[in-house]
Amino acid sequence: MKILFSEKQRFTQWWLWALIIVVNALIIYGFVQQIIFKTPFGNNPAPDVVLILVNFIPLGIAYLFYVLRLETTITNEFIAFQFKPFQSKINTIRWKELENAYVRTYKPIREFGGWGYRVSFTKGVAYNVGGHQGIQLVLKNGKKILIGTQKAEEVQHVLNDLNVH
C-alpha cells in the first residue's frame, strides 16, 4: 500500500490567534496586578483563588487550539482522517464503501456553522480547520463526510488517478 496524499492542517487563522492572545494577555495582566502587585483588578475584583483558576481556562483553550490538527491520508485502498486530539482512532473509509468522492468548494459558516468538527442535518459531518475547500465523501449508506483541505488541486489529481467518482 502506497501513500498517495498526506496532509496535516492546523488552525492558523491570524484573527483566531490574535483573539486568543488578547484574551490571555488581559487575564494574565489581571492576575499579575492582583496576585503579584496586590492591586485589585477591576471595580469589583474577584477573589484571588477565582482569578488563579480563571487563568487556566484561556490558557487551556490556547493549548487546545495549538494541539488541534486534522490529518488526512489517501492510499490506493482507502482515505483516512483524524481530528486530533478529539478522535483517538483514525477513521478509515475504503474506496469500495463510497458512492462518490470529489473535491468541492463549500461555505463553512452557511453549510456547517463554522470550522472544527461540525454536524449538519442536511449536509452531513464536516472536519475542517480553515478555508472553504474539502473532500466530499458520499458513502453507499447515504452518509456524507466533508474533510477540509488546503491542497484541493493535489487531492483532485489523486482522486482522478484513482478513478474515484
Foldseek 3Di string as FASTA:
>chain_A
DDWQDKDKDAQDDPVVVVVLVVVLVVLVVQLCVCVVVVHADDPDGDPNVVSVVVNCVSVVVVVVRVQWMWMWIDDLFWIWIDTPPVDPDIDTDGLVQFPAKAKDFADCCVQFNHAAWGADPPAATEHGNDDGMWIWTQGPVRHIYTYDDPPRVSVRVVCVVSVGD
